[in-house]
Amino acid sequence: MSTYAVDAWAALGDPSRRRIFELLAERPQSVTEIADGLPISRPAVSQHLRVLKQARLVRVRSEGTRRVYQVDPEGLAALREELDGFWGKALANFKQIAEQETE
């Protein structure tokens, strides 16, 4: 395990990781299933999944000999909370500007 935390926003900044995350939002999948739907190798998918896991965006469970990945609801909730905070600030700023223009 890495000694540094991976930021969820930075993890999703990579287009391949974002696509993997989108696929996992549809349903839990193994590395092979994910790689079959992407133009990247299984080792590359595994590396991207490692980053997403460190960012707490995905979790993994064993099913026999397979490792199945799925979206981590707790990590996603934290990301959503940050996004909601940004949205709240943006709306407050918009309101302030609109009120200044009507005065």
PDB file of N, CA and C in Angstrom:
ATOM      1  N   MET A   1       0.838  -1.187   0.000  1.00  0.00           N
ATOM      2  CA  MET A   1       0.000   0.000   0.000  1.00  0.00           C
ATOM      3  C   MET A   1       0.877   1.242   0.000  1.00  0.00           C
ATOM      4  N   SER A   2       0.415   2.256  -0.676  1.00  0.00           N
ATOM      5  CA  SER A   2       1.159   3.500  -0.802  1.00  0.00           C
ATOM      6  C   SER A   2       1.151   4.268   0.511  1.00  0.00           C
ATOM      7  N   THR A   3       2.169   5.091   0.712  1.00  0.00           N
ATOM      8  CA  THR A   3       2.248   5.875   1.936  1.00  0.00           C
ATOM      9  C   THR A   3       1.610   7.248   1.756  1.00  0.00           C
ATOM     10  N   TYR A   4       1.079   7.551   0.590  1.00  0.00           N
ATOM     11  CA  TYR A   4       0.428   8.835   0.372  1.00  0.00           C
ATOM     12  C   TYR A   4      -1.007   8.606  -0.090  1.00  0.00           C
ATOM     13  N   ALA A   5      -1.845   9.575   0.211  1.00  0.00           N
ATOM     14  CA  ALA A   5      -3.244   9.474  -0.186  1.00  0.00           C
ATOM     15  C   ALA A   5      -3.398   9.976  -1.617  1.00  0.00           C
ATOM     16  N   VAL A   6      -4.267   9.336  -2.351  1.00  0.00           N
ATOM     17  CA  VAL A   6      -4.573   9.754  -3.707  1.00  0.00           C
ATOM     18  C   VAL A   6      -5.873  10.546  -3.656  1.00  0.00           C
ATOM     19  N   ASP A   7      -5.848  11.752  -4.183  1.00  0.00           N
ATOM     20  CA  ASP A   7      -7.019  12.595  -4.228  1.00  0.00           C
ATOM     21  C   ASP A   7      -8.017  12.044  -5.243  1.00  0.00           C
ATOM     22  N   ALA A   8      -9.265  11.962  -4.855  1.00  0.00           N
ATOM     23  CA  ALA A   8     -10.290  11.402  -5.740  1.00  0.00           C
ATOM     24  C   ALA A   8     -10.424  12.218  -7.019  1.00  0.00           C
ATOM     25  N   TRP A   9     -10.359  13.529  -6.917  1.00  0.00           N
ATOM     26  CA  TRP A   9     -10.470  14.372  -8.109  1.00  0.00           C
ATOM     27  C   TRP A   9      -9.315  14.114  -9.059  1.00  0.00           C
ATOM     28  N   ALA A  10      -8.107  13.994  -8.523  1.00  0.00           N
ATOM     29  CA  ALA A  10      -6.935  13.716  -9.361  1.00  0.00           C
ATOM     30  C   ALA A  10      -7.055  12.336  -9.990  1.00  0.00           C
ATOM     31  N   ALA A  11      -7.557  11.378  -9.228  1.00  0.00           N
ATOM     32  CA  ALA A  11      -7.718  10.021  -9.754  1.00  0.00           C
ATOM     33  C   ALA A  11      -8.675  10.016 -10.937  1.00  0.00           C
ATOM     34  N   LEU A  12      -9.742  10.792 -10.852  1.00  0.00           N
ATOM     35  CA  LEU A  12     -10.728  10.833 -11.936  1.00  0.00           C
ATOM     36  C   LEU A  12     -10.309  11.758 -13.074  1.00  0.00           C
ATOM     37  N   GLY A  13      -9.186  12.449 -12.907  1.00  0.00           N
ATOM     38  CA  GLY A  13      -8.684  13.335 -13.952  1.00  0.00           C
ATOM     39  C   GLY A  13      -8.163  12.572 -15.161  1.00  0.00           C
ATOM     40  N   ASP A  14      -7.825  11.321 -14.983  1.00  0.00           N
ATOM     41  CA  ASP A  14      -7.340  10.497 -16.092  1.00  0.00           C
ATOM     42  C   ASP A  14      -8.550   9.909 -16.835  1.00  0.00           C
ATOM     43  N   PRO A  15      -8.611  10.076 -18.158  1.00  0.00           N
ATOM     44  CA  PRO A  15      -9.776   9.581 -18.912  1.00  0.00           C
ATOM     45  C   PRO A  15     -10.006   8.070 -18.783  1.00  0.00           C
ATOM     46  N   SER A  16      -8.940   7.290 -18.733  1.00  0.00           N
ATOM     47  CA  SER A  16      -9.112   5.834 -18.601  1.00  0.00           C
ATOM     48  C   SER A  16      -9.690   5.476 -17.241  1.00  0.00           C
ATOM     49  N   ARG A  17      -9.203   6.124 -16.189  1.00  0.00           N
ATOM     50  CA  ARG A  17      -9.741   5.847 -14.851  1.00  0.00           C
ATOM     51  C   ARG A  17     -11.189   6.299 -14.751  1.00  0.00           C
ATOM     52  N   ARG A  18     -11.493   7.437 -15.365  1.00  0.00           N
ATOM     53  CA  ARG A  18     -12.871   7.913 -15.343  1.00  0.00           C
ATOM     54  C   ARG A  18     -13.793   6.912 -16.053  1.00  0.00           C
ATOM     55  N   ARG A  19     -13.337   6.355 -17.175  1.00  0.00           N
ATOM     56  CA  ARG A  19     -14.150   5.371 -17.911  1.00  0.00           C
ATOM     57  C   ARG A  19     -14.324   4.091 -17.092  1.00  0.00           C
ATOM     58  N   ILE A  20     -13.253   3.644 -16.434  1.00  0.00           N
ATOM     59  CA  ILE A  20     -13.339   2.465 -15.566  1.00  0.00           C
ATOM     60  C   ILE A  20     -14.351   2.724 -14.453  1.00  0.00           C
ATOM     61  N   PHE A  21     -14.288   3.899 -13.858  1.00  0.00           N
ATOM     62  CA  PHE A  21     -15.227   4.255 -12.794  1.00  0.00           C
ATOM     63  C   PHE A  21     -16.664   4.242 -13.316  1.00  0.00           C
ATOM     64  N   GLU A  22     -16.869   4.763 -14.529  1.00  0.00           N
ATOM     65  CA  GLU A  22     -18.205   4.749 -15.142  1.00  0.00           C
ATOM     66  C   GLU A  22     -18.700   3.319 -15.340  1.00  0.00           C
ATOM     67  N   LEU A  23     -17.813   2.435 -15.798  1.00  0.00           N
ATOM     68  CA  LEU A  23     -18.198   1.035 -15.994  1.00  0.00           C
ATOM     69  C   LEU A  23     -18.583   0.384 -14.671  1.00  0.00           C
ATOM     70  N   LEU A  24     -17.838   0.703 -13.620  1.00  0.00           N
ATOM     71  CA  LEU A  24     -18.133   0.119 -12.314  1.00  0.00           C
ATOM     72  C   LEU A  24     -19.387   0.715 -11.694  1.00  0.00           C
ATOM     73  N   ALA A  25     -19.737   1.923 -12.081  1.00  0.00           N
ATOM     74  CA  ALA A  25     -20.989   2.520 -11.598  1.00  0.00           C
ATOM     75  C   ALA A  25     -22.192   1.768 -12.176  1.00  0.00           C
ATOM     76  N   GLU A  26     -21.999   1.160 -13.352  1.00  0.00           N
ATOM     77  CA  GLU A  26     -23.071   0.371 -13.966  1.00  0.00           C
ATOM     78  C   GLU A  26     -23.278  -0.953 -13.243  1.00  0.00           C
ATOM     79  N   ARG A  27     -22.140  -1.606 -12.892  1.00  0.00           N
ATOM     80  CA  ARG A  27     -22.221  -2.884 -12.180  1.00  0.00           C
ATOM     81  C   ARG A  27     -20.819  -3.301 -11.744  1.00  0.00           C
ATOM     82  N   PRO A  28     -20.700  -4.107 -10.681  1.00  0.00           N
ATOM     83  CA  PRO A  28     -19.392  -4.639 -10.279  1.00  0.00           C
ATOM     84  C   PRO A  28     -18.814  -5.507 -11.397  1.00  0.00           C
ATOM     85  N   GLN A  29     -17.479  -5.453 -11.557  1.00  0.00           N
ATOM     86  CA  GLN A  29     -16.819  -6.207 -12.623  1.00  0.00           C
ATOM     87  C   GLN A  29     -15.418  -6.629 -12.195  1.00  0.00           C
ATOM     88  N   SER A  30     -14.927  -7.676 -12.855  1.00  0.00           N
ATOM     89  CA  SER A  30     -13.549  -8.116 -12.661  1.00  0.00           C
ATOM     90  C   SER A  30     -12.632  -7.325 -13.598  1.00  0.00           C
ATOM     91  N   VAL A  31     -11.337  -7.435 -13.373  1.00  0.00           N
ATOM     92  CA  VAL A  31     -10.358  -6.776 -14.235  1.00  0.00           C
ATOM     93  C   VAL A  31     -10.533  -7.221 -15.680  1.00  0.00           C
ATOM     94  N   THR A  32     -10.740  -8.505 -15.880  1.00  0.00           N
ATOM     95  CA  THR A  32     -10.904  -9.038 -17.239  1.00  0.00           C
ATOM     96  C   THR A  32     -12.127  -8.434 -17.914  1.00  0.00           C
ATOM     97  N   GLU A  33     -13.237  -8.360 -17.195  1.00  0.00           N
ATOM     98  CA  GLU A  33     -14.455  -7.779 -17.774  1.00  0.00           C
ATOM     99  C   GLU A  33     -14.242  -6.316 -18.140  1.00  0.00           C
ATOM    100  N   ILE A  34     -13.566  -5.587 -17.279  1.00  0.00           N
ATOM    101  CA  ILE A  34     -13.298  -4.173 -17.552  1.00  0.00           C
ATOM    102  C   ILE A  34     -12.397  -4.036 -18.773  1.00  0.00           C
ATOM    103  N   ALA A  35     -11.310  -4.816 -18.796  1.00  0.00           N
ATOM    104  CA  ALA A  35     -10.340  -4.727 -19.896  1.00  0.00           C
ATOM    105  C   ALA A  35     -10.958  -5.108 -21.229  1.00  0.00           C
ATOM    106  N   ASP A  36     -11.898  -6.037 -21.210  1.00  0.00           N
ATOM    107  CA  ASP A  36     -12.559  -6.455 -22.450  1.00  0.00           C
ATOM    108  C   ASP A  36     -13.317  -5.300 -23.105  1.00  0.00           C
ATOM    109  N   GLY A  37     -13.751  -4.328 -22.311  1.00  0.00           N
ATOM    110  CA  GLY A  37     -14.513  -3.210 -22.846  1.00  0.00           C
ATOM    111  C   GLY A  37     -13.695  -1.966 -23.112  1.00  0.00           C
ATOM    112  N   LEU A  38     -12.381  -2.061 -22.929  1.00  0.00           N
ATOM    113  CA  LEU A  38     -11.516  -0.884 -23.099  1.00  0.00           C
ATOM    114  C   LEU A  38     -10.339  -1.192 -24.012  1.00  0.00           C
ATOM    115  N   PRO A  39      -9.774  -0.161 -24.625  1.00  0.00           N
ATOM    116  CA  PRO A  39      -8.613  -0.373 -25.497  1.00  0.00           C
ATOM    117  C   PRO A  39      -7.277  -0.365 -24.734  1.00  0.00           C
ATOM    118  N   ILE A  40      -7.295  -0.833 -23.482  1.00  0.00           N
ATOM    119  CA  ILE A  40      -6.062  -0.907 -22.695  1.00  0.00           C
ATOM    120  C   ILE A  40      -5.910  -2.320 -22.129  1.00  0.00           C
ATOM    121  N   SER A  41      -4.694  -2.663 -21.751  1.00  0.00           N
ATOM    122  CA  SER A  41      -4.390  -4.014 -21.289  1.00  0.00           C
ATOM    123  C   SER A  41      -4.907  -4.265 -19.872  1.00  0.00           C
ATOM    124  N   ARG A  42      -4.979  -5.538 -19.514  1.00  0.00           N
ATOM    125  CA  ARG A  42      -5.375  -5.898 -18.146  1.00  0.00           C
ATOM    126  C   ARG A  42      -4.407  -5.339 -17.111  1.00  0.00           C
ATOM    127  N   PRO A  43      -3.067  -5.393 -17.355  1.00  0.00           N
ATOM    128  CA  PRO A  43      -2.170  -4.785 -16.369  1.00  0.00           C
ATOM    129  C   PRO A  43      -2.417  -3.287 -16.196  1.00  0.00           C
ATOM    130  N   ALA A  44      -2.732  -2.598 -17.291  1.00  0.00           N
ATOM    131  CA  ALA A  44      -3.026  -1.164 -17.196  1.00  0.00           C
ATOM    132  C   ALA A  44      -4.310  -0.936 -16.405  1.00  0.00           C
ATOM    133  N   VAL A  45      -5.323  -1.759 -16.643  1.00  0.00           N
ATOM    134  CA  VAL A  45      -6.578  -1.662 -15.890  1.00  0.00           C
ATOM    135  C   VAL A  45      -6.292  -1.883 -14.406  1.00  0.00           C
ATOM    136  N   SER A  46      -5.466  -2.868 -14.094  1.00  0.00           N
ATOM    137  CA  SER A  46      -5.123  -3.139 -12.688  1.00  0.00           C
ATOM    138  C   SER A  46      -4.441  -1.943 -12.046  1.00  0.00           C
ATOM    139  N   GLN A  47      -3.555  -1.282 -12.770  1.00  0.00           N
ATOM    140  CA  GLN A  47      -2.883  -0.095 -12.228  1.00  0.00           C
ATOM    141  C   GLN A  47      -3.888   1.027 -11.982  1.00  0.00           C
ATOM    142  N   HIS A  48      -4.796   1.231 -12.923  1.00  0.00           N
ATOM    143  CA  HIS A  48      -5.817   2.265 -12.745  1.00  0.00           C
ATOM    144  C   HIS A  48      -6.721   1.936 -11.566  1.00  0.00           C
ATOM    145  N   LEU A  49      -7.083   0.673 -11.414  1.00  0.00           N
ATOM    146  CA  LEU A  49      -7.920   0.260 -10.285  1.00  0.00           C
ATOM    147  C   LEU A  49      -7.198   0.480  -8.959  1.00  0.00           C
ATOM    148  N   ARG A  50      -5.904   0.274  -8.941  1.00  0.00           N
ATOM    149  CA  ARG A  50      -5.120   0.502  -7.719  1.00  0.00           C
ATOM    150  C   ARG A  50      -5.230   1.971  -7.299  1.00  0.00           C
ATOM    151  N   VAL A  51      -5.106   2.870  -8.267  1.00  0.00           N
ATOM    152  CA  VAL A  51      -5.214   4.300  -7.970  1.00  0.00           C
ATOM    153  C   VAL A  51      -6.624   4.644  -7.485  1.00  0.00           C
ATOM    154  N   LEU A  52      -7.635   4.116  -8.160  1.00  0.00           N
ATOM    155  CA  LEU A  52      -9.018   4.370  -7.750  1.00  0.00           C
ATOM    156  C   LEU A  52      -9.296   3.820  -6.350  1.00  0.00           C
ATOM    157  N   LYS A  53      -8.692   2.690  -6.033  1.00  0.00           N
ATOM    158  CA  LYS A  53      -8.862   2.103  -4.696  1.00  0.00           C
ATOM    159  C   LYS A  53      -8.178   2.972  -3.642  1.00  0.00           C
ATOM    160  N   GLN A  54      -6.973   3.458  -3.942  1.00  0.00           N
ATOM    161  CA  GLN A  54      -6.263   4.334  -3.003  1.00  0.00           C
ATOM    162  C   GLN A  54      -7.031   5.638  -2.780  1.00  0.00           C
ATOM    163  N   ALA A  55      -7.768   6.075  -3.800  1.00  0.00           N
ATOM    164  CA  ALA A  55      -8.568   7.290  -3.690  1.00  0.00           C
ATOM    165  C   ALA A  55      -9.919   7.022  -3.026  1.00  0.00           C
ATOM    166  N   ARG A  56     -10.146   5.766  -2.632  1.00  0.00           N
ATOM    167  CA  ARG A  56     -11.390   5.332  -1.981  1.00  0.00           C
ATOM    168  C   ARG A  56     -12.608   5.471  -2.882  1.00  0.00           C
ATOM    169  N   LEU A  57     -12.405   5.328  -4.191  1.00  0.00           N
ATOM    170  CA  LEU A  57     -13.521   5.391  -5.125  1.00  0.00           C
ATOM    171  C   LEU A  57     -14.035   4.006  -5.499  1.00  0.00           C
ATOM    172  N   VAL A  58     -13.199   2.984  -5.346  1.00  0.00           N
ATOM    173  CA  VAL A  58     -13.631   1.612  -5.601  1.00  0.00           C
ATOM    174  C   VAL A  58     -13.169   0.718  -4.457  1.00  0.00           C
ATOM    175  N   ARG A  59     -13.860  -0.390  -4.320  1.00  0.00           N
ATOM    176  CA  ARG A  59     -13.451  -1.417  -3.354  1.00  0.00           C
ATOM    177  C   ARG A  59     -13.444  -2.741  -4.084  1.00  0.00           C
ATOM    178  N   VAL A  60     -12.792  -3.714  -3.493  1.00  0.00           N
ATOM    179  CA  VAL A  60     -12.641  -5.016  -4.143  1.00  0.00           C
ATOM    180  C   VAL A  60     -13.064  -6.111  -3.179  1.00  0.00           C
ATOM    181  N   ARG A  61     -13.647  -7.171  -3.740  1.00  0.00           N
ATOM    182  CA  ARG A  61     -13.995  -8.350  -2.945  1.00  0.00           C
ATOM    183  C   ARG A  61     -13.607  -9.582  -3.749  1.00  0.00           C
ATOM    184  N   SER A  62     -13.332 -10.659  -3.053  1.00  0.00           N
ATOM    185  CA  SER A  62     -12.974 -11.907  -3.714  1.00  0.00           C
ATOM    186  C   SER A  62     -14.209 -12.760  -3.922  1.00  0.00           C
ATOM    187  N   GLU A  63     -14.300 -13.330  -5.110  1.00  0.00           N
ATOM    188  CA  GLU A  63     -15.334 -14.319  -5.438  1.00  0.00           C
ATOM    189  C   GLU A  63     -14.606 -15.514  -6.021  1.00  0.00           C
ATOM    190  N   GLY A  64     -14.287 -16.464  -5.179  1.00  0.00           N
ATOM    191  CA  GLY A  64     -13.479 -17.602  -5.627  1.00  0.00           C
ATOM    192  C   GLY A  64     -12.085 -17.118  -5.999  1.00  0.00           C
ATOM    193  N   THR A  65     -11.699 -17.331  -7.243  1.00  0.00           N
ATOM    194  CA  THR A  65     -10.373 -16.896  -7.696  1.00  0.00           C
ATOM    195  C   THR A  65     -10.404 -15.516  -8.336  1.00  0.00           C
ATOM    196  N   ARG A  66     -11.597 -14.945  -8.475  1.00  0.00           N
ATOM    197  CA  ARG A  66     -11.728 -13.627  -9.106  1.00  0.00           C
ATOM    198  C   ARG A  66     -11.759 -12.519  -8.055  1.00  0.00           C
ATOM    199  N   ARG A  67     -11.248 -11.366  -8.463  1.00  0.00           N
ATOM    200  CA  ARG A  67     -11.369 -10.157  -7.646  1.00  0.00           C
ATOM    201  C   ARG A  67     -12.345  -9.243  -8.374  1.00  0.00           C
ATOM    202  N   VAL A  68     -13.429  -8.911  -7.691  1.00  0.00           N
ATOM    203  CA  VAL A  68     -14.491  -8.112  -8.303  1.00  0.00           C
ATOM    204  C   VAL A  68     -14.454  -6.712  -7.699  1.00  0.00           C
ATOM    205  N   TYR A  69     -14.426  -5.728  -8.574  1.00  0.00           N
ATOM    206  CA  TYR A  69     -14.369  -4.327  -8.161  1.00  0.00           C
ATOM    207  C   TYR A  69     -15.739  -3.696  -8.278  1.00  0.00           C
ATOM    208  N   GLN A  70     -16.005  -2.757  -7.366  1.00  0.00           N
ATOM    209  CA  GLN A  70     -17.258  -2.022  -7.391  1.00  0.00           C
ATOM    210  C   GLN A  70     -17.007  -0.627  -6.831  1.00  0.00           C
ATOM    211  N   VAL A  71     -17.924   0.282  -7.100  1.00  0.00           N
ATOM    212  CA  VAL A  71     -17.815   1.640  -6.580  1.00  0.00           C
ATOM    213  C   VAL A  71     -17.912   1.585  -5.060  1.00  0.00           C
ATOM    214  N   ASP A  72     -17.077   2.356  -4.392  1.00  0.00           N
ATOM    215  CA  ASP A  72     -17.107   2.453  -2.932  1.00  0.00           C
ATOM    216  C   ASP A  72     -18.091   3.567  -2.566  1.00  0.00           C
ATOM    217  N   PRO A  73     -19.250   3.224  -2.011  1.00  0.00           N
ATOM    218  CA  PRO A  73     -20.260   4.249  -1.722  1.00  0.00           C
ATOM    219  C   PRO A  73     -19.776   5.319  -0.735  1.00  0.00           C
ATOM    220  N   GLU A  74     -18.922   4.946   0.203  1.00  0.00           N
ATOM    221  CA  GLU A  74     -18.420   5.926   1.174  1.00  0.00           C
ATOM    222  C   GLU A  74     -17.512   6.944   0.495  1.00  0.00           C
ATOM    223  N   GLY A  75     -16.617   6.471  -0.369  1.00  0.00           N
ATOM    224  CA  GLY A  75     -15.734   7.385  -1.092  1.00  0.00           C
ATOM    225  C   GLY A  75     -16.507   8.269  -2.046  1.00  0.00           C
ATOM    226  N   LEU A  76     -17.507   7.698  -2.688  1.00  0.00           N
ATOM    227  CA  LEU A  76     -18.337   8.468  -3.609  1.00  0.00           C
ATOM    228  C   LEU A  76     -19.133   9.524  -2.846  1.00  0.00           C
ATOM    229  N   ALA A  77     -19.600   9.186  -1.656  1.00  0.00           N
ATOM    230  CA  ALA A  77     -20.341  10.148  -0.839  1.00  0.00           C
ATOM    231  C   ALA A  77     -19.448  11.323  -0.442  1.00  0.00           C
ATOM    232  N   ALA A  78     -18.189  11.043  -0.121  1.00  0.00           N
ATOM    233  CA  ALA A  78     -17.258  12.118   0.224  1.00  0.00           C
ATOM    234  C   ALA A  78     -17.020  13.035  -0.975  1.00  0.00           C
ATOM    235  N   LEU A  79     -16.891  12.449  -2.151  1.00  0.00           N
ATOM    236  CA  LEU A  79     -16.713  13.224  -3.371  1.00  0.00           C
ATOM    237  C   LEU A  79     -17.953  14.072  -3.632  1.00  0.00           C
ATOM    238  N   ARG A  80     -19.111  13.486  -3.459  1.00  0.00           N
ATOM    239  CA  ARG A  80     -20.379  14.206  -3.656  1.00  0.00           C
ATOM    240  C   ARG A  80     -20.503  15.362  -2.676  1.00  0.00           C
ATOM    241  N   GLU A  81     -20.076  15.143  -1.436  1.00  0.00           N
ATOM    242  CA  GLU A  81     -20.136  16.194  -0.418  1.00  0.00           C
ATOM    243  C   GLU A  81     -19.263  17.383  -0.822  1.00  0.00           C
ATOM    244  N   GLU A  82     -18.073  17.098  -1.338  1.00  0.00           N
ATOM    245  CA  GLU A  82     -17.202  18.179  -1.816  1.00  0.00           C
ATOM    246  C   GLU A  82     -17.859  18.925  -2.967  1.00  0.00           C
ATOM    247  N   LEU A  83     -18.422  18.193  -3.907  1.00  0.00           N
ATOM    248  CA  LEU A  83     -19.073  18.805  -5.058  1.00  0.00           C
ATOM    249  C   LEU A  83     -20.269  19.654  -4.615  1.00  0.00           C
ATOM    250  N   ASP A  84     -21.037  19.161  -3.664  1.00  0.00           N
ATOM    251  CA  ASP A  84     -22.157  19.932  -3.138  1.00  0.00           C
ATOM    252  C   ASP A  84     -21.670  21.231  -2.484  1.00  0.00           C
ATOM    253  N   GLY A  85     -20.517  21.165  -1.816  1.00  0.00           N
ATOM    254  CA  GLY A  85     -19.933  22.369  -1.214  1.00  0.00           C
ATOM    255  C   GLY A  85     -19.563  23.400  -2.271  1.00  0.00           C
ATOM    256  N   PHE A  86     -18.959  22.933  -3.362  1.00  0.00           N
ATOM    257  CA  PHE A  86     -18.624  23.847  -4.464  1.00  0.00           C
ATOM    258  C   PHE A  86     -19.893  24.475  -5.038  1.00  0.00           C
ATOM    259  N   TRP A  87     -20.907  23.652  -5.239  1.00  0.00           N
ATOM    260  CA  TRP A  87     -22.160  24.121  -5.817  1.00  0.00           C
ATOM    261  C   TRP A  87     -22.828  25.148  -4.904  1.00  0.00           C
ATOM    262  N   GLY A  88     -22.815  24.899  -3.608  1.00  0.00           N
ATOM    263  CA  GLY A  88     -23.400  25.844  -2.655  1.00  0.00           C
ATOM    264  C   GLY A  88     -22.700  27.188  -2.687  1.00  0.00           C
ATOM    265  N   LYS A  89     -21.379  27.162  -2.756  1.00  0.00           N
ATOM    266  CA  LYS A  89     -20.611  28.420  -2.838  1.00  0.00           C
ATOM    267  C   LYS A  89     -20.896  29.150  -4.146  1.00  0.00           C
ATOM    268  N   ALA A  90     -20.981  28.418  -5.230  1.00  0.00           N
ATOM    269  CA  ALA A  90     -21.257  29.036  -6.531  1.00  0.00           C
ATOM    270  C   ALA A  90     -22.633  29.696  -6.525  1.00  0.00           C
ATOM    271  N   LEU A  91     -23.632  29.027  -5.962  1.00  0.00           N
ATOM    272  CA  LEU A  91     -24.975  29.612  -5.895  1.00  0.00           C
ATOM    273  C   LEU A  91     -25.009  30.853  -5.005  1.00  0.00           C
ATOM    274  N   ALA A  92     -24.295  30.810  -3.888  1.00  0.00           N
ATOM    275  CA  ALA A  92     -24.249  31.969  -2.993  1.00  0.00           C
ATOM    276  C   ALA A  92     -23.588  33.152  -3.697  1.00  0.00           C
ATOM    277  N   ASN A  93     -22.517  32.900  -4.441  1.00  0.00           N
ATOM    278  CA  ASN A  93     -21.856  33.970  -5.177  1.00  0.00           C
ATOM    279  C   ASN A  93     -22.757  34.522  -6.271  1.00  0.00           C
ATOM    280  N   PHE A  94     -23.475  33.644  -6.968  1.00  0.00           N
ATOM    281  CA  PHE A  94     -24.398  34.081  -8.007  1.00  0.00           C
ATOM    282  C   PHE A  94     -25.487  34.969  -7.410  1.00  0.00           C
ATOM    283  N   LYS A  95     -26.018  34.562  -6.265  1.00  0.00           N
ATOM    284  CA  LYS A  95     -27.062  35.341  -5.594  1.00  0.00           C
ATOM    285  C   LYS A  95     -26.540  36.719  -5.227  1.00  0.00           C
ATOM    286  N   GLN A  96     -25.332  36.765  -4.694  1.00  0.00           N
ATOM    287  CA  GLN A  96     -24.741  38.040  -4.294  1.00  0.00           C
ATOM    288  C   GLN A  96     -24.567  38.966  -5.503  1.00  0.00           C
ATOM    289  N   ILE A  97     -24.099  38.434  -6.603  1.00  0.00           N
ATOM    290  CA  ILE A  97     -23.907  39.234  -7.814  1.00  0.00           C
ATOM    291  C   ILE A  97     -25.252  39.706  -8.357  1.00  0.00           C
ATOM    292  N   ALA A  98     -26.238  38.834  -8.372  1.00  0.00           N
ATOM    293  CA  ALA A  98     -27.568  39.203  -8.871  1.00  0.00           C
ATOM    294  C   ALA A  98     -28.181  40.292  -8.012  1.00  0.00           C
ATOM    295  N   GLU A  99     -28.017  40.203  -6.714  1.00  0.00           N
ATOM    296  CA  GLU A  99     -28.574  41.225  -5.812  1.00  0.00           C
ATOM    297  C   GLU A  99     -27.864  42.559  -5.991  1.00  0.00           C
ATOM    298  N   GLN A 100     -26.567  42.555  -6.235  1.00  0.00           N
ATOM    299  CA  GLN A 100     -25.811  43.787  -6.462  1.00  0.00           C
ATOM    300  C   GLN A 100     -26.252  44.467  -7.746  1.00  0.00           C
ATOM    301  N   GLU A 101     -26.558  43.687  -8.774  1.00  0.00           N
ATOM    302  CA  GLU A 101     -26.958  44.245 -10.053  1.00  0.00           C
ATOM    303  C   GLU A 101     -28.343  44.865 -10.013  1.00  0.00           C
ATOM    304  N   THR A 102     -29.212  44.415  -9.097  1.00  0.00           N
ATOM    305  CA  THR A 102     -30.568  44.954  -9.010  1.00  0.00           C
ATOM    306  C   THR A 102     -30.636  46.204  -8.144  1.00  0.00           C
ATOM    307  N   GLU A 103     -29.572  46.512  -7.448  1.00  0.00           N
ATOM    308  CA  GLU A 103     -29.562  47.696  -6.555  1.00  0.00           C
ATOM    309  C   GLU A 103     -29.291  48.959  -7.327  1.00  0.00           C
TER     310      GLU A 103
END
